[in-house]
Amino acid sequence: MGNGIGQLIWAVALLAAGVGVFFRVEQVMPRLVEFSHFAAARWFIRFCFYLMAVVLIGGGVKKIIAFGRGRTGRSDK
């Protein structure tokens, strides 16, 4: 796929998913810790959720920047 509108839609979807995960962690963690199996690893699970959010947001921002550079004709090559 090139720098089409589909890539921009995908970038916005990645960004929205990352923001959604970031804000949803605090709502989900209390319910997740209720299960005794996950209680001991709650800090690791929280870290993983936040890491996933950062990766999604970073990927979305990277694609949006790449889309913007492709539209303006600039390139770093």
Protein backbone atom coordinates (compact mmCIF):
# COMPACT_ATOMS: atom_id res chain seq x y z
CA MET A 1 0.00 0.00 0.00
CA GLY A 2 1.19 3.47 -0.77
CA ASN A 3 0.46 6.76 0.88
CA GLY A 4 -3.25 6.58 0.13
CA ILE A 5 -6.20 7.55 2.20
CA GLY A 6 -6.36 3.98 3.52
CA GLN A 7 -3.01 4.47 5.24
CA LEU A 8 -4.28 7.66 6.88
CA ILE A 9 -7.40 5.87 8.11
CA TRP A 10 -5.24 3.05 9.48
CA ALA A 11 -2.99 5.60 11.22
CA VAL A 12 -5.94 7.31 12.88
CA ALA A 13 -7.30 3.90 13.94
CA LEU A 14 -3.95 2.99 15.53
CA LEU A 15 -3.82 6.33 17.32
CA ALA A 16 -7.40 5.99 18.57
CA ALA A 17 -6.80 2.42 19.76
CA GLY A 18 -3.70 3.51 21.66
CA VAL A 19 -5.51 6.39 23.34
CA GLY A 20 -8.40 4.07 24.15
CA VAL A 21 -6.12 1.49 25.77
CA PHE A 22 -4.31 4.23 27.71
CA PHE A 23 -7.51 5.55 29.29
CA ARG A 24 -9.18 2.16 29.70
CA VAL A 25 -6.41 0.56 31.78
CA GLU A 26 -7.53 2.22 35.01
CA GLN A 27 -11.08 0.99 34.50
CA VAL A 28 -10.15 -2.60 33.67
CA MET A 29 -7.39 -3.25 36.21
CA PRO A 30 -9.61 -3.45 39.33
CA ARG A 31 -11.80 -6.06 37.68
CA LEU A 32 -8.77 -7.97 36.39
CA VAL A 33 -7.16 -8.08 39.84
CA GLU A 34 -10.30 -9.72 41.25
CA PHE A 35 -9.08 -12.94 39.65
CA SER A 36 -6.55 -14.40 42.04
CA HIS A 37 -4.43 -15.68 39.16
CA PHE A 38 -3.76 -12.14 37.90
CA ALA A 39 -3.48 -10.42 41.31
CA ALA A 40 0.20 -11.20 41.77
CA ALA A 41 1.15 -9.90 38.35
CA ARG A 42 -0.93 -6.71 38.38
CA TRP A 43 2.05 -4.35 37.98
CA PHE A 44 3.42 -6.37 35.08
CA ILE A 45 0.00 -6.44 33.41
CA ARG A 46 -0.41 -2.69 33.92
CA PHE A 47 3.05 -2.11 32.43
CA CYS A 48 2.19 -4.27 29.41
CA PHE A 49 -1.07 -2.41 28.80
CA TYR A 50 0.68 0.96 28.93
CA LEU A 51 3.49 -0.31 26.70
CA MET A 52 0.91 -1.52 24.19
CA ALA A 53 -0.78 1.90 24.29
CA VAL A 54 2.51 3.71 23.68
CA VAL A 55 3.39 1.42 20.76
CA LEU A 56 -0.04 1.93 19.17
CA ILE A 57 0.11 5.71 19.61
CA GLY A 58 3.68 5.82 18.30
CA GLY A 59 2.77 3.76 15.24
CA GLY A 60 -0.22 5.94 14.47
CA VAL A 61 1.77 9.16 14.84
CA LYS A 62 4.57 7.76 12.68
CA LYS A 63 2.12 6.85 9.91
CA ILE A 64 0.42 10.26 10.10
CA ILE A 65 3.79 12.01 9.82
CA ALA A 66 4.76 9.79 6.89
CA PHE A 67 1.43 10.57 5.23
CA GLY A 68 1.98 14.31 5.71
CA ARG A 69 5.49 14.17 4.29
CA GLY A 70 4.28 12.19 1.29
CA ARG A 71 1.53 14.75 0.57
CA THR A 72 3.90 17.74 0.72
CA GLY A 73 6.54 16.12 -1.47
CA ARG A 74 9.27 16.19 1.17
CA SER A 75 11.38 13.13 1.83
CA ASP A 76 14.35 12.36 4.02
CA LYS A 77 15.93 9.97 1.52
